[in-house]
Amino acid sequence: MASLGETIEKLQAELQQAQEQIERLTSQLQVCREAANDSEMRWQGERRAFERVIRILNGGRGNE
């Protein structure tokens, strides 16, 4: 049976590993959020361009 000190050391090591994993996952999540924001901005720009083309094709002006 492990002593209390050994158990505490083991738990501290596990806690350290868990904290490092949380930091890695948080960093990965931030990268994903930034990529999603970039994608959303591109999509919005493409949508506005498409809407301008539709207005022009419908006889309107593209800059309305």
PDB file of N, CA and C in Angstrom:
ATOM      1  N   MET A   1       0.842  -1.176   0.000  1.00  0.00           N
ATOM      2  CA  MET A   1       0.000   0.000   0.000  1.00  0.00           C
ATOM      3  C   MET A   1       0.895   1.250   0.000  1.00  0.00           C
ATOM      4  N   ALA A   2       0.529   2.209  -0.832  1.00  0.00           N
ATOM      5  CA  ALA A   2       1.321   3.432  -0.963  1.00  0.00           C
ATOM      6  C   ALA A   2       1.130   4.318   0.261  1.00  0.00           C
ATOM      7  N   SER A   3       2.186   5.005   0.589  1.00  0.00           N
ATOM      8  CA  SER A   3       2.089   5.935   1.711  1.00  0.00           C
ATOM      9  C   SER A   3       1.320   7.180   1.282  1.00  0.00           C
ATOM     10  N   LEU A   4       0.908   7.940   2.248  1.00  0.00           N
ATOM     11  CA  LEU A   4       0.167   9.166   1.968  1.00  0.00           C
ATOM     12  C   LEU A   4       1.007  10.116   1.116  1.00  0.00           C
ATOM     13  N   GLY A   5       2.294  10.217   1.427  1.00  0.00           N
ATOM     14  CA  GLY A   5       3.188  11.094   0.667  1.00  0.00           C
ATOM     15  C   GLY A   5       3.290  10.672  -0.790  1.00  0.00           C
ATOM     16  N   GLU A   6       3.399   9.348  -1.027  1.00  0.00           N
ATOM     17  CA  GLU A   6       3.473   8.847  -2.414  1.00  0.00           C
ATOM     18  C   GLU A   6       2.177   9.127  -3.156  1.00  0.00           C
ATOM     19  N   THR A   7       1.059   8.944  -2.472  1.00  0.00           N
ATOM     20  CA  THR A   7      -0.253   9.201  -3.079  1.00  0.00           C
ATOM     21  C   THR A   7      -0.386  10.668  -3.450  1.00  0.00           C
ATOM     22  N   ILE A   8       0.059  11.552  -2.557  1.00  0.00           N
ATOM     23  CA  ILE A   8      -0.009  12.991  -2.829  1.00  0.00           C
ATOM     24  C   ILE A   8       0.874  13.333  -4.025  1.00  0.00           C
ATOM     25  N   GLU A   9       2.083  12.790  -4.087  1.00  0.00           N
ATOM     26  CA  GLU A   9       2.986  13.051  -5.209  1.00  0.00           C
ATOM     27  C   GLU A   9       2.372  12.573  -6.524  1.00  0.00           C
ATOM     28  N   LYS A  10       1.777  11.385  -6.494  1.00  0.00           N
ATOM     29  CA  LYS A  10       1.141  10.845  -7.701  1.00  0.00           C
ATOM     30  C   LYS A  10      -0.006  11.754  -8.157  1.00  0.00           C
ATOM     31  N   LEU A  11      -0.825  12.181  -7.203  1.00  0.00           N
ATOM     32  CA  LEU A  11      -1.952  13.053  -7.542  1.00  0.00           C
ATOM     33  C   LEU A  11      -1.481  14.403  -8.058  1.00  0.00           C
ATOM     34  N   GLN A  12      -0.403  14.933  -7.481  1.00  0.00           N
ATOM     35  CA  GLN A  12       0.138  16.200  -7.963  1.00  0.00           C
ATOM     36  C   GLN A  12       0.656  16.059  -9.396  1.00  0.00           C
ATOM     37  N   ALA A  13       1.292  14.944  -9.706  1.00  0.00           N
ATOM     38  CA  ALA A  13       1.785  14.705 -11.069  1.00  0.00           C
ATOM     39  C   ALA A  13       0.613  14.598 -12.039  1.00  0.00           C
ATOM     40  N   GLU A  14      -0.432  13.888 -11.633  1.00  0.00           N
ATOM     41  CA  GLU A  14      -1.615  13.767 -12.486  1.00  0.00           C
ATOM     42  C   GLU A  14      -2.279  15.118 -12.693  1.00  0.00           C
ATOM     43  N   LEU A  15      -2.337  15.917 -11.634  1.00  0.00           N
ATOM     44  CA  LEU A  15      -2.914  17.249 -11.743  1.00  0.00           C
ATOM     45  C   LEU A  15      -2.110  18.107 -12.706  1.00  0.00           C
ATOM     46  N   GLN A  16      -0.792  18.041 -12.623  1.00  0.00           N
ATOM     47  CA  GLN A  16       0.070  18.796 -13.530  1.00  0.00           C
ATOM     48  C   GLN A  16      -0.183  18.388 -14.980  1.00  0.00           C
ATOM     49  N   GLN A  17      -0.288  17.088 -15.224  1.00  0.00           N
ATOM     50  CA  GLN A  17      -0.566  16.602 -16.579  1.00  0.00           C
ATOM     51  C   GLN A  17      -1.925  17.095 -17.066  1.00  0.00           C
ATOM     52  N   ALA A  18      -2.911  17.067 -16.186  1.00  0.00           N
ATOM     53  CA  ALA A  18      -4.252  17.536 -16.559  1.00  0.00           C
ATOM     54  C   ALA A  18      -4.229  19.026 -16.884  1.00  0.00           C
ATOM     55  N   GLN A  19      -3.490  19.807 -16.091  1.00  0.00           N
ATOM     56  CA  GLN A  19      -3.402  21.249 -16.353  1.00  0.00           C
ATOM     57  C   GLN A  19      -2.712  21.518 -17.688  1.00  0.00           C
ATOM     58  N   GLU A  20      -1.664  20.757 -17.988  1.00  0.00           N
ATOM     59  CA  GLU A  20      -0.975  20.925 -19.274  1.00  0.00           C
ATOM     60  C   GLU A  20      -1.893  20.561 -20.431  1.00  0.00           C
ATOM     61  N   GLN A  21      -2.681  19.500 -20.256  1.00  0.00           N
ATOM     62  CA  GLN A  21      -3.619  19.107 -21.308  1.00  0.00           C
ATOM     63  C   GLN A  21      -4.689  20.178 -21.505  1.00  0.00           C
ATOM     64  N   ILE A  22      -5.174  20.759 -20.426  1.00  0.00           N
ATOM     65  CA  ILE A  22      -6.166  21.842 -20.522  1.00  0.00           C
ATOM     66  C   ILE A  22      -5.573  23.021 -21.288  1.00  0.00           C
ATOM     67  N   GLU A  23      -4.317  23.365 -21.012  1.00  0.00           N
ATOM     68  CA  GLU A  23      -3.666  24.469 -21.721  1.00  0.00           C
ATOM     69  C   GLU A  23      -3.557  24.164 -23.216  1.00  0.00           C
ATOM     70  N   ARG A  24      -3.185  22.932 -23.559  1.00  0.00           N
ATOM     71  CA  ARG A  24      -3.092  22.558 -24.984  1.00  0.00           C
ATOM     72  C   ARG A  24      -4.454  22.631 -25.660  1.00  0.00           C
ATOM     73  N   LEU A  25      -5.473  22.099 -24.984  1.00  0.00           N
ATOM     74  CA  LEU A  25      -6.819  22.104 -25.570  1.00  0.00           C
ATOM     75  C   LEU A  25      -7.367  23.521 -25.697  1.00  0.00           C
ATOM     76  N   THR A  26      -7.072  24.366 -24.719  1.00  0.00           N
ATOM     77  CA  THR A  26      -7.509  25.760 -24.786  1.00  0.00           C
ATOM     78  C   THR A  26      -6.862  26.458 -25.975  1.00  0.00           C
ATOM     79  N   SER A  27      -5.585  26.191 -26.187  1.00  0.00           N
ATOM     80  CA  SER A  27      -4.878  26.774 -27.324  1.00  0.00           C
ATOM     81  C   SER A  27      -5.478  26.283 -28.643  1.00  0.00           C
ATOM     82  N   GLN A  28      -5.764  24.996 -28.719  1.00  0.00           N
ATOM     83  CA  GLN A  28      -6.373  24.446 -29.939  1.00  0.00           C
ATOM     84  C   GLN A  28      -7.757  25.036 -30.175  1.00  0.00           C
ATOM     85  N   LEU A  29      -8.507  25.219 -29.104  1.00  0.00           N
ATOM     86  CA  LEU A  29      -9.839  25.813 -29.228  1.00  0.00           C
ATOM     87  C   LEU A  29      -9.749  27.236 -29.759  1.00  0.00           C
ATOM     88  N   GLN A  30      -8.770  27.999 -29.293  1.00  0.00           N
ATOM     89  CA  GLN A  30      -8.589  29.371 -29.767  1.00  0.00           C
ATOM     90  C   GLN A  30      -8.288  29.379 -31.264  1.00  0.00           C
ATOM     91  N   VAL A  31      -7.436  28.468 -31.716  1.00  0.00           N
ATOM     92  CA  VAL A  31      -7.120  28.374 -33.145  1.00  0.00           C
ATOM     93  C   VAL A  31      -8.392  28.055 -33.935  1.00  0.00           C
ATOM     94  N   CYS A  32      -9.204  27.145 -33.417  1.00  0.00           N
ATOM     95  CA  CYS A  32     -10.459  26.790 -34.096  1.00  0.00           C
ATOM     96  C   CYS A  32     -11.416  27.971 -34.149  1.00  0.00           C
ATOM     97  N   ARG A  33     -11.499  28.726 -33.061  1.00  0.00           N
ATOM     98  CA  ARG A  33     -12.373  29.899 -33.047  1.00  0.00           C
ATOM     99  C   ARG A  33     -11.923  30.933 -34.072  1.00  0.00           C
ATOM    100  N   GLU A  34     -10.616  31.165 -34.151  1.00  0.00           N
ATOM    101  CA  GLU A  34     -10.095  32.138 -35.110  1.00  0.00           C
ATOM    102  C   GLU A  34     -10.370  31.675 -36.540  1.00  0.00           C
ATOM    103  N   ALA A  35     -10.202  30.386 -36.804  1.00  0.00           N
ATOM    104  CA  ALA A  35     -10.482  29.860 -38.141  1.00  0.00           C
ATOM    105  C   ALA A  35     -11.971  29.994 -38.475  1.00  0.00           C
ATOM    106  N   ALA A  36     -12.825  29.746 -37.505  1.00  0.00           N
ATOM    107  CA  ALA A  36     -14.267  29.879 -37.731  1.00  0.00           C
ATOM    108  C   ALA A  36     -14.629  31.331 -38.010  1.00  0.00           C
ATOM    109  N   ASN A  37     -14.031  32.259 -37.276  1.00  0.00           N
ATOM    110  CA  ASN A  37     -14.303  33.673 -37.513  1.00  0.00           C
ATOM    111  C   ASN A  37     -13.840  34.090 -38.898  1.00  0.00           C
ATOM    112  N   ASP A  38     -12.648  33.628 -39.313  1.00  0.00           N
ATOM    113  CA  ASP A  38     -12.147  33.941 -40.652  1.00  0.00           C
ATOM    114  C   ASP A  38     -13.085  33.397 -41.718  1.00  0.00           C
ATOM    115  N   SER A  39     -13.542  32.171 -41.517  1.00  0.00           N
ATOM    116  CA  SER A  39     -14.450  31.543 -42.470  1.00  0.00           C
ATOM    117  C   SER A  39     -15.762  32.316 -42.552  1.00  0.00           C
ATOM    118  N   GLU A  40     -16.287  32.738 -41.417  1.00  0.00           N
ATOM    119  CA  GLU A  40     -17.533  33.500 -41.385  1.00  0.00           C
ATOM    120  C   GLU A  40     -17.366  34.829 -42.120  1.00  0.00           C
ATOM    121  N   MET A  41     -16.241  35.495 -41.911  1.00  0.00           N
ATOM    122  CA  MET A  41     -16.011  36.774 -42.580  1.00  0.00           C
ATOM    123  C   MET A  41     -15.924  36.581 -44.099  1.00  0.00           C
ATOM    124  N   ARG A  42     -15.235  35.519 -44.540  1.00  0.00           N
ATOM    125  CA  ARG A  42     -15.156  35.245 -45.984  1.00  0.00           C
ATOM    126  C   ARG A  42     -16.538  34.959 -46.547  1.00  0.00           C
ATOM    127  N   TRP A  43     -17.323  34.154 -45.821  1.00  0.00           N
ATOM    128  CA  TRP A  43     -18.653  33.809 -46.291  1.00  0.00           C
ATOM    129  C   TRP A  43     -19.522  35.049 -46.412  1.00  0.00           C
ATOM    130  N   GLN A  44     -19.449  35.938 -45.433  1.00  0.00           N
ATOM    131  CA  GLN A  44     -20.242  37.166 -45.486  1.00  0.00           C
ATOM    132  C   GLN A  44     -19.841  38.010 -46.695  1.00  0.00           C
ATOM    133  N   GLY A  45     -18.547  38.117 -46.963  1.00  0.00           N
ATOM    134  CA  GLY A  45     -18.078  38.876 -48.123  1.00  0.00           C
ATOM    135  C   GLY A  45     -18.557  38.267 -49.428  1.00  0.00           C
ATOM    136  N   GLU A  46     -18.490  36.948 -49.519  1.00  0.00           N
ATOM    137  CA  GLU A  46     -18.961  36.266 -50.727  1.00  0.00           C
ATOM    138  C   GLU A  46     -20.459  36.446 -50.896  1.00  0.00           C
ATOM    139  N   ARG A  47     -21.198  36.399 -49.808  1.00  0.00           N
ATOM    140  CA  ARG A  47     -22.648  36.579 -49.879  1.00  0.00           C
ATOM    141  C   ARG A  47     -22.997  37.981 -50.379  1.00  0.00           C
ATOM    142  N   ARG A  48     -22.286  39.000 -49.860  1.00  0.00           N
ATOM    143  CA  ARG A  48     -22.556  40.376 -50.308  1.00  0.00           C
ATOM    144  C   ARG A  48     -22.233  40.528 -51.795  1.00  0.00           C
ATOM    145  N   ALA A  49     -21.128  39.922 -52.234  1.00  0.00           N
ATOM    146  CA  ALA A  49     -20.773  39.998 -53.652  1.00  0.00           C
ATOM    147  C   ALA A  49     -21.843  39.314 -54.498  1.00  0.00           C
ATOM    148  N   PHE A  50     -22.331  38.169 -54.066  1.00  0.00           N
ATOM    149  CA  PHE A  50     -23.369  37.456 -54.789  1.00  0.00           C
ATOM    150  C   PHE A  50     -24.647  38.291 -54.855  1.00  0.00           C
ATOM    151  N   GLU A  51     -25.001  38.923 -53.737  1.00  0.00           N
ATOM    152  CA  GLU A  51     -26.201  39.759 -53.727  1.00  0.00           C
ATOM    153  C   GLU A  51     -26.062  40.939 -54.684  1.00  0.00           C
ATOM    154  N   ARG A  52     -24.854  41.523 -54.784  1.00  0.00           N
ATOM    155  CA  ARG A  52     -24.634  42.617 -55.748  1.00  0.00           C
ATOM    156  C   ARG A  52     -24.825  42.121 -57.176  1.00  0.00           C
ATOM    157  N   VAL A  53     -24.300  40.946 -57.466  1.00  0.00           N
ATOM    158  CA  VAL A  53     -24.451  40.388 -58.818  1.00  0.00           C
ATOM    159  C   VAL A  53     -25.918  40.169 -59.130  1.00  0.00           C
ATOM    160  N   ILE A  54     -26.676  39.636 -58.187  1.00  0.00           N
ATOM    161  CA  ILE A  54     -28.112  39.402 -58.396  1.00  0.00           C
ATOM    162  C   ILE A  54     -28.828  40.725 -58.663  1.00  0.00           C
ATOM    163  N   ARG A  55     -28.499  41.771 -57.892  1.00  0.00           N
ATOM    164  CA  ARG A  55     -29.135  43.078 -58.118  1.00  0.00           C
ATOM    165  C   ARG A  55     -28.809  43.594 -59.515  1.00  0.00           C
ATOM    166  N   ILE A  56     -27.549  43.441 -59.938  1.00  0.00           N
ATOM    167  CA  ILE A  56     -27.162  43.911 -61.276  1.00  0.00           C
ATOM    168  C   ILE A  56     -27.924  43.134 -62.332  1.00  0.00           C
ATOM    169  N   LEU A  57     -27.998  41.806 -62.170  1.00  0.00           N
ATOM    170  CA  LEU A  57     -28.706  40.976 -63.151  1.00  0.00           C
ATOM    171  C   LEU A  57     -30.201  41.293 -63.175  1.00  0.00           C
ATOM    172  N   ASN A  58     -30.736  41.756 -62.071  1.00  0.00           N
ATOM    173  CA  ASN A  58     -32.144  42.121 -62.000  1.00  0.00           C
ATOM    174  C   ASN A  58     -32.391  43.567 -62.464  1.00  0.00           C
ATOM    175  N   GLY A  59     -31.374  44.196 -62.983  1.00  0.00           N
ATOM    176  CA  GLY A  59     -31.538  45.537 -63.530  1.00  0.00           C
ATOM    177  C   GLY A  59     -31.244  46.639 -62.535  1.00  0.00           C
ATOM    178  N   GLY A  60     -30.846  46.290 -61.357  1.00  0.00           N
ATOM    179  CA  GLY A  60     -30.518  47.302 -60.357  1.00  0.00           C
ATOM    180  C   GLY A  60     -29.051  47.699 -60.473  1.00  0.00           C
ATOM    181  N   ARG A  61     -28.642  48.535 -59.583  1.00  0.00           N
ATOM    182  CA  ARG A  61     -27.246  48.937 -59.550  1.00  0.00           C
ATOM    183  C   ARG A  61     -26.529  48.099 -58.505  1.00  0.00           C
ATOM    184  N   GLY A  62     -25.279  47.815 -58.744  1.00  0.00           N
ATOM    185  CA  GLY A  62     -24.514  46.937 -57.852  1.00  0.00           C
ATOM    186  C   GLY A  62     -24.109  47.549 -56.543  1.00  0.00           C
ATOM    187  N   ASN A  63     -24.184  48.873 -56.424  1.00  0.00           N
ATOM    188  CA  ASN A  63     -23.716  49.505 -55.210  1.00  0.00           C
ATOM    189  C   ASN A  63     -24.837  50.024 -54.334  1.00  0.00           C
ATOM    190  N   GLU A  64     -26.020  49.495 -54.500  1.00  0.00           N
ATOM    191  CA  GLU A  64     -27.156  49.951 -53.693  1.00  0.00           C
ATOM    192  C   GLU A  64     -27.101  49.381 -52.300  1.00  0.00           C
TER     193      GLU A  64
END
